[in-house]
PDB file of all heavy atoms in Angstrom:
ATOM      1  N   GLY A   1       5.390  11.109   4.956  1.00  0.00           N
ATOM      2  CA  GLY A   1       5.897   9.773   5.248  1.00  0.00           C
ATOM      3  C   GLY A   1       7.294   9.776   5.827  1.00  0.00           C
ATOM      4  O   GLY A   1       7.794   8.721   6.229  1.00  0.00           O
ATOM      5  N   TYR A   2       7.928  10.948   5.886  1.00  0.00           N
ATOM      6  CA  TYR A   2       9.313  11.020   6.362  1.00  0.00           C
ATOM      7  C   TYR A   2       9.429  12.098   7.443  1.00  0.00           C
ATOM      8  O   TYR A   2       8.864  13.183   7.323  1.00  0.00           O
ATOM      9  CB  TYR A   2      10.266  11.334   5.216  1.00  0.00           C
ATOM     10  CG  TYR A   2      10.268  10.251   4.159  1.00  0.00           C
ATOM     11  CD1 TYR A   2       9.401  10.328   3.065  1.00  0.00           C
ATOM     12  CD2 TYR A   2      11.094   9.137   4.266  1.00  0.00           C
ATOM     13  CE1 TYR A   2       9.376   9.327   2.102  1.00  0.00           C
ATOM     14  CE2 TYR A   2      11.080   8.138   3.316  1.00  0.00           C
ATOM     15  CZ  TYR A   2      10.214   8.229   2.237  1.00  0.00           C
ATOM     16  OH  TYR A   2      10.191   7.242   1.295  1.00  0.00           O
ATOM     17  N   TYR A   3      10.184  11.767   8.502  1.00  0.00           N
ATOM     18  CA  TYR A   3      10.355  12.690   9.621  1.00  0.00           C
ATOM     19  C   TYR A   3      11.795  12.607  10.107  1.00  0.00           C
ATOM     20  O   TYR A   3      12.286  11.530  10.445  1.00  0.00           O
ATOM     21  CB  TYR A   3       9.394  12.320  10.752  1.00  0.00           C
ATOM     22  CG  TYR A   3       9.531  13.156  12.000  1.00  0.00           C
ATOM     23  CD1 TYR A   3       9.212  14.513  11.993  1.00  0.00           C
ATOM     24  CD2 TYR A   3       9.978  12.587  13.193  1.00  0.00           C
ATOM     25  CE1 TYR A   3       9.332  15.279  13.144  1.00  0.00           C
ATOM     26  CE2 TYR A   3      10.087  13.350  14.346  1.00  0.00           C
ATOM     27  CZ  TYR A   3       9.773  14.689  14.311  1.00  0.00           C
ATOM     28  OH  TYR A   3       9.898  15.457  15.445  1.00  0.00           O
ATOM     29  N   GLN A   4      12.477  13.746  10.074  1.00  0.00           N
ATOM     30  CA  GLN A   4      13.875  13.846  10.500  1.00  0.00           C
ATOM     31  C   GLN A   4      14.761  12.833   9.775  1.00  0.00           C
ATOM     32  O   GLN A   4      15.626  12.178  10.359  1.00  0.00           O
ATOM     33  CB  GLN A   4      13.984  13.665  12.010  1.00  0.00           C
ATOM     34  CG  GLN A   4      13.289  14.770  12.798  1.00  0.00           C
ATOM     35  CD  GLN A   4      13.425  14.612  14.302  1.00  0.00           C
ATOM     36  OE1 GLN A   4      13.759  13.537  14.799  1.00  0.00           O
ATOM     37  NE2 GLN A   4      13.177  15.691  15.033  1.00  0.00           N
ATOM     38  N   GLY A   5      14.522  12.715   8.475  1.00  0.00           N
ATOM     39  CA  GLY A   5      15.352  11.854   7.642  1.00  0.00           C
ATOM     40  C   GLY A   5      15.070  10.371   7.759  1.00  0.00           C
ATOM     41  O   GLY A   5      15.820   9.552   7.208  1.00  0.00           O
ATOM     42  N   ARG A   6      13.986   9.997   8.442  1.00  0.00           N
ATOM     43  CA  ARG A   6      13.658   8.581   8.613  1.00  0.00           C
ATOM     44  C   ARG A   6      12.179   8.376   8.305  1.00  0.00           C
ATOM     45  O   ARG A   6      11.426   9.337   8.141  1.00  0.00           O
ATOM     46  CB  ARG A   6      13.957   8.135  10.054  1.00  0.00           C
ATOM     47  CG  ARG A   6      15.375   8.442  10.494  1.00  0.00           C
ATOM     48  CD  ARG A   6      15.611   8.087  11.943  1.00  0.00           C
ATOM     49  NE  ARG A   6      15.576   6.648  12.164  1.00  0.00           N
ATOM     50  CZ  ARG A   6      15.835   6.081  13.338  1.00  0.00           C
ATOM     51  NH1 ARG A   6      16.112   6.830  14.378  1.00  0.00           N
ATOM     52  NH2 ARG A   6      15.783   4.773  13.467  1.00  0.00           N
ATOM     53  N   TYR A   7      11.782   7.097   8.230  1.00  0.00           N
ATOM     54  CA  TYR A   7      10.360   6.816   8.051  1.00  0.00           C
ATOM     55  C   TYR A   7       9.591   7.362   9.246  1.00  0.00           C
ATOM     56  O   TYR A   7       9.968   7.137  10.401  1.00  0.00           O
ATOM     57  CB  TYR A   7      10.094   5.309   7.956  1.00  0.00           C
ATOM     58  CG  TYR A   7      10.638   4.644   6.708  1.00  0.00           C
ATOM     59  CD1 TYR A   7      10.919   3.283   6.700  1.00  0.00           C
ATOM     60  CD2 TYR A   7      10.853   5.370   5.545  1.00  0.00           C
ATOM     61  CE1 TYR A   7      11.410   2.664   5.567  1.00  0.00           C
ATOM     62  CE2 TYR A   7      11.346   4.761   4.417  1.00  0.00           C
ATOM     63  CZ  TYR A   7      11.634   3.410   4.425  1.00  0.00           C
ATOM     64  OH  TYR A   7      12.117   2.804   3.309  1.00  0.00           O
ATOM     65  N   CYS A   8       8.512   8.063   8.971  1.00  0.00           N
ATOM     66  CA  CYS A   8       7.661   8.575  10.040  1.00  0.00           C
ATOM     67  C   CYS A   8       6.879   7.408  10.647  1.00  0.00           C
ATOM     68  O   CYS A   8       6.528   6.456   9.938  1.00  0.00           O
ATOM     69  CB  CYS A   8       6.700   9.621   9.475  1.00  0.00           C
ATOM     70  SG  CYS A   8       5.604  10.342  10.723  1.00  0.00           S
ATOM     71  N   PRO A   9       6.587   7.461  11.952  1.00  0.00           N
ATOM     72  CA  PRO A   9       5.762   6.402  12.554  1.00  0.00           C
ATOM     73  C   PRO A   9       4.432   6.194  11.831  1.00  0.00           C
ATOM     74  O   PRO A   9       3.936   5.072  11.768  1.00  0.00           O
ATOM     75  CB  PRO A   9       5.546   6.902  13.985  1.00  0.00           C
ATOM     76  CG  PRO A   9       6.763   7.723  14.275  1.00  0.00           C
ATOM     77  CD  PRO A   9       7.108   8.390  12.966  1.00  0.00           C
ATOM     78  N   CYS A  10       3.869   7.259  11.253  1.00  0.00           N
ATOM     79  CA  CYS A  10       2.590   7.093  10.554  1.00  0.00           C
ATOM     80  C   CYS A  10       2.761   6.236   9.296  1.00  0.00           C
ATOM     81  O   CYS A  10       1.865   5.487   8.926  1.00  0.00           O
ATOM     82  CB  CYS A  10       1.975   8.456  10.209  1.00  0.00           C
ATOM     83  SG  CYS A  10       2.711   9.314   8.795  1.00  0.00           S
ATOM     84  N   LEU A  11       3.929   6.355   8.634  1.00  0.00           N
ATOM     85  CA  LEU A  11       4.199   5.510   7.469  1.00  0.00           C
ATOM     86  C   LEU A  11       4.413   4.069   7.902  1.00  0.00           C
ATOM     87  O   LEU A  11       3.924   3.132   7.249  1.00  0.00           O
ATOM     88  CB  LEU A  11       5.424   6.016   6.705  1.00  0.00           C
ATOM     89  CG  LEU A  11       5.860   5.177   5.496  1.00  0.00           C
ATOM     90  CD1 LEU A  11       4.743   5.068   4.469  1.00  0.00           C
ATOM     91  CD2 LEU A  11       7.115   5.755   4.861  1.00  0.00           C
ATOM     92  N   GLU A  12       5.116   3.856   9.012  1.00  0.00           N
ATOM     93  CA  GLU A  12       5.321   2.501   9.513  1.00  0.00           C
ATOM     94  C   GLU A  12       3.988   1.850   9.870  1.00  0.00           C
ATOM     95  O   GLU A  12       3.774   0.659   9.621  1.00  0.00           O
ATOM     96  CB  GLU A  12       6.246   2.543  10.728  1.00  0.00           C
ATOM     97  CG  GLU A  12       7.668   2.999  10.382  1.00  0.00           C
ATOM     98  CD  GLU A  12       8.551   3.132  11.606  1.00  0.00           C
ATOM     99  OE1 GLU A  12       7.996   3.181  12.737  1.00  0.00           O
ATOM    100  OE2 GLU A  12       9.785   3.179  11.445  1.00  0.00           O
ATOM    101  N   GLN A  13       3.071   2.642  10.447  1.00  0.00           N
ATOM    102  CA  GLN A  13       1.734   2.121  10.755  1.00  0.00           C
ATOM    103  C   GLN A  13       0.974   1.772   9.483  1.00  0.00           C
ATOM    104  O   GLN A  13       0.268   0.767   9.427  1.00  0.00           O
ATOM    105  CB  GLN A  13       0.956   3.142  11.571  1.00  0.00           C
ATOM    106  CG  GLN A  13       1.499   3.357  12.976  1.00  0.00           C
ATOM    107  CD  GLN A  13       0.834   4.522  13.689  1.00  0.00           C
ATOM    108  OE1 GLN A  13      -0.073   5.161  13.154  1.00  0.00           O
ATOM    109  NE2 GLN A  13       1.280   4.816  14.892  1.00  0.00           N
ATOM    110  N   ALA A  14       1.127   2.599   8.449  1.00  0.00           N
ATOM    111  CA  ALA A  14       0.454   2.332   7.177  1.00  0.00           C
ATOM    112  C   ALA A  14       1.010   1.067   6.517  1.00  0.00           C
ATOM    113  O   ALA A  14       0.275   0.299   5.901  1.00  0.00           O
ATOM    114  CB  ALA A  14       0.605   3.531   6.245  1.00  0.00           C
ATOM    115  N   ILE A  15       2.329   0.851   6.645  1.00  0.00           N
ATOM    116  CA  ILE A  15       2.952  -0.361   6.100  1.00  0.00           C
ATOM    117  C   ILE A  15       2.397  -1.590   6.821  1.00  0.00           C
ATOM    118  O   ILE A  15       2.048  -2.599   6.197  1.00  0.00           O
ATOM    119  CB  ILE A  15       4.479  -0.294   6.230  1.00  0.00           C
ATOM    120  CG1 ILE A  15       5.042   0.813   5.336  1.00  0.00           C
ATOM    121  CG2 ILE A  15       5.117  -1.635   5.866  1.00  0.00           C
ATOM    122  CD1 ILE A  15       6.508   1.124   5.579  1.00  0.00           C
ATOM    123  N   ALA A  16       2.307  -1.505   8.164  1.00  0.00           N
ATOM    124  CA  ALA A  16       1.763  -2.623   8.940  1.00  0.00           C
ATOM    125  C   ALA A  16       0.312  -2.900   8.555  1.00  0.00           C
ATOM    126  O   ALA A  16      -0.096  -4.055   8.409  1.00  0.00           O
ATOM    127  CB  ALA A  16       1.867  -2.315  10.431  1.00  0.00           C
ATOM    128  N   ALA A  17      -0.478  -1.833   8.364  1.00  0.00           N
ATOM    129  CA  ALA A  17      -1.880  -2.000   7.975  1.00  0.00           C
ATOM    130  C   ALA A  17      -1.989  -2.670   6.609  1.00  0.00           C
ATOM    131  O   ALA A  17      -2.856  -3.530   6.391  1.00  0.00           O
ATOM    132  CB  ALA A  17      -2.592  -0.650   7.962  1.00  0.00           C
ATOM    133  N   ALA A  18      -1.105  -2.291   5.674  1.00  0.00           N
ATOM    134  CA  ALA A  18      -1.108  -2.916   4.342  1.00  0.00           C
ATOM    135  C   ALA A  18      -0.743  -4.389   4.441  1.00  0.00           C
ATOM    136  O   ALA A  18      -1.331  -5.236   3.753  1.00  0.00           O
ATOM    137  CB  ALA A  18      -0.142  -2.175   3.420  1.00  0.00           C
ATOM    138  N   ALA A  19       0.224  -4.700   5.306  1.00  0.00           N
ATOM    139  CA  ALA A  19       0.620  -6.097   5.495  1.00  0.00           C
ATOM    140  C   ALA A  19      -0.518  -6.909   6.104  1.00  0.00           C
ATOM    141  O   ALA A  19      -0.761  -8.058   5.712  1.00  0.00           O
ATOM    142  CB  ALA A  19       1.852  -6.170   6.381  1.00  0.00           C
ATOM    143  N   ILE A  20      -1.239  -6.314   7.041  1.00  0.00           N
ATOM    144  CA  ILE A  20      -2.365  -6.998   7.675  1.00  0.00           C
ATOM    145  C   ILE A  20      -3.481  -7.257   6.670  1.00  0.00           C
ATOM    146  O   ILE A  20      -4.066  -8.342   6.626  1.00  0.00           O
ATOM    147  CB  ILE A  20      -2.881  -6.169   8.864  1.00  0.00           C
ATOM    148  CG1 ILE A  20      -1.855  -6.210  10.004  1.00  0.00           C
ATOM    149  CG2 ILE A  20      -4.239  -6.675   9.349  1.00  0.00           C
ATOM    150  CD1 ILE A  20      -2.124  -5.216  11.101  1.00  0.00           C
ATOM    151  N   ARG A  21      -3.764  -6.257   5.820  1.00  0.00           N
ATOM    152  CA  ARG A  21      -4.788  -6.457   4.785  1.00  0.00           C
ATOM    153  C   ARG A  21      -4.385  -7.591   3.856  1.00  0.00           C
ATOM    154  O   ARG A  21      -5.232  -8.405   3.447  1.00  0.00           O
ATOM    155  CB  ARG A  21      -4.995  -5.172   3.993  1.00  0.00           C
ATOM    156  CG  ARG A  21      -5.742  -4.084   4.749  1.00  0.00           C
ATOM    157  CD  ARG A  21      -6.209  -2.988   3.808  1.00  0.00           C
ATOM    158  NE  ARG A  21      -5.097  -2.326   3.140  1.00  0.00           N
ATOM    159  CZ  ARG A  21      -4.428  -1.290   3.640  1.00  0.00           C
ATOM    160  NH1 ARG A  21      -4.761  -0.796   4.818  1.00  0.00           N
ATOM    161  NH2 ARG A  21      -3.443  -0.736   2.961  1.00  0.00           N
ATOM    162  N   SER A  22      -3.103  -7.666   3.527  1.00  0.00           N
ATOM    163  CA  SER A  22      -2.615  -8.731   2.652  1.00  0.00           C
ATOM    164  C   SER A  22      -2.772 -10.092   3.322  1.00  0.00           C
ATOM    165  O   SER A  22      -3.186 -11.067   2.685  1.00  0.00           O
ATOM    166  CB  SER A  22      -1.147  -8.477   2.298  1.00  0.00           C
ATOM    167  OG  SER A  22      -0.631  -9.516   1.495  1.00  0.00           O
ATOM    168  N   MET A  23      -2.461 -10.165   4.615  1.00  0.00           N
ATOM    169  CA  MET A  23      -2.576 -11.438   5.337  1.00  0.00           C
ATOM    170  C   MET A  23      -4.026 -11.891   5.442  1.00  0.00           C
ATOM    171  O   MET A  23      -4.313 -13.091   5.419  1.00  0.00           O
ATOM    172  CB  MET A  23      -1.971 -11.287   6.733  1.00  0.00           C
ATOM    173  CG  MET A  23      -0.467 -11.098   6.739  1.00  0.00           C
ATOM    174  SD  MET A  23       0.166 -10.834   8.404  1.00  0.00           S
ATOM    175  CE  MET A  23      -0.172 -12.427   9.139  1.00  0.00           C
ATOM    176  N   ASN A  24      -4.944 -10.944   5.559  1.00  0.00           N
ATOM    177  CA  ASN A  24      -6.362 -11.292   5.745  1.00  0.00           C
ATOM    178  C   ASN A  24      -7.098 -11.519   4.427  1.00  0.00           C
ATOM    179  O   ASN A  24      -8.286 -11.825   4.441  1.00  0.00           O
ATOM    180  CB  ASN A  24      -7.078 -10.176   6.519  1.00  0.00           C
ATOM    181  CG  ASN A  24      -6.731 -10.194   7.998  1.00  0.00           C
ATOM    182  OD1 ASN A  24      -6.413 -11.240   8.544  1.00  0.00           O
ATOM    183  ND2 ASN A  24      -6.779  -9.038   8.636  1.00  0.00           N
ATOM    184  N   ARG A  25      -6.404 -11.354   3.316  1.00  0.00           N
ATOM    185  CA  ARG A  25      -7.089 -11.414   2.018  1.00  0.00           C
ATOM    186  C   ARG A  25      -7.813 -12.738   1.807  1.00  0.00           C
ATOM    187  O   ARG A  25      -8.868 -12.790   1.186  1.00  0.00           O
ATOM    188  CB  ARG A  25      -6.069 -11.171   0.909  1.00  0.00           C
ATOM    189  CG  ARG A  25      -6.686 -10.811  -0.443  1.00  0.00           C
ATOM    190  CD  ARG A  25      -5.632 -10.247  -1.370  1.00  0.00           C
ATOM    191  NE  ARG A  25      -5.178  -8.947  -0.913  1.00  0.00           N
ATOM    192  CZ  ARG A  25      -3.924  -8.508  -1.008  1.00  0.00           C
ATOM    193  NH1 ARG A  25      -2.993  -9.289  -1.517  1.00  0.00           N
ATOM    194  NH2 ARG A  25      -3.596  -7.312  -0.569  1.00  0.00           N
TER     195      ARG A  25
END
């Protein structure tokens, strides 16, 4: 989840996916 001391793009995508699932609940 971390790349070069920052959030990895894959983690940011996972956060967005979690937010989308929450919105569609």
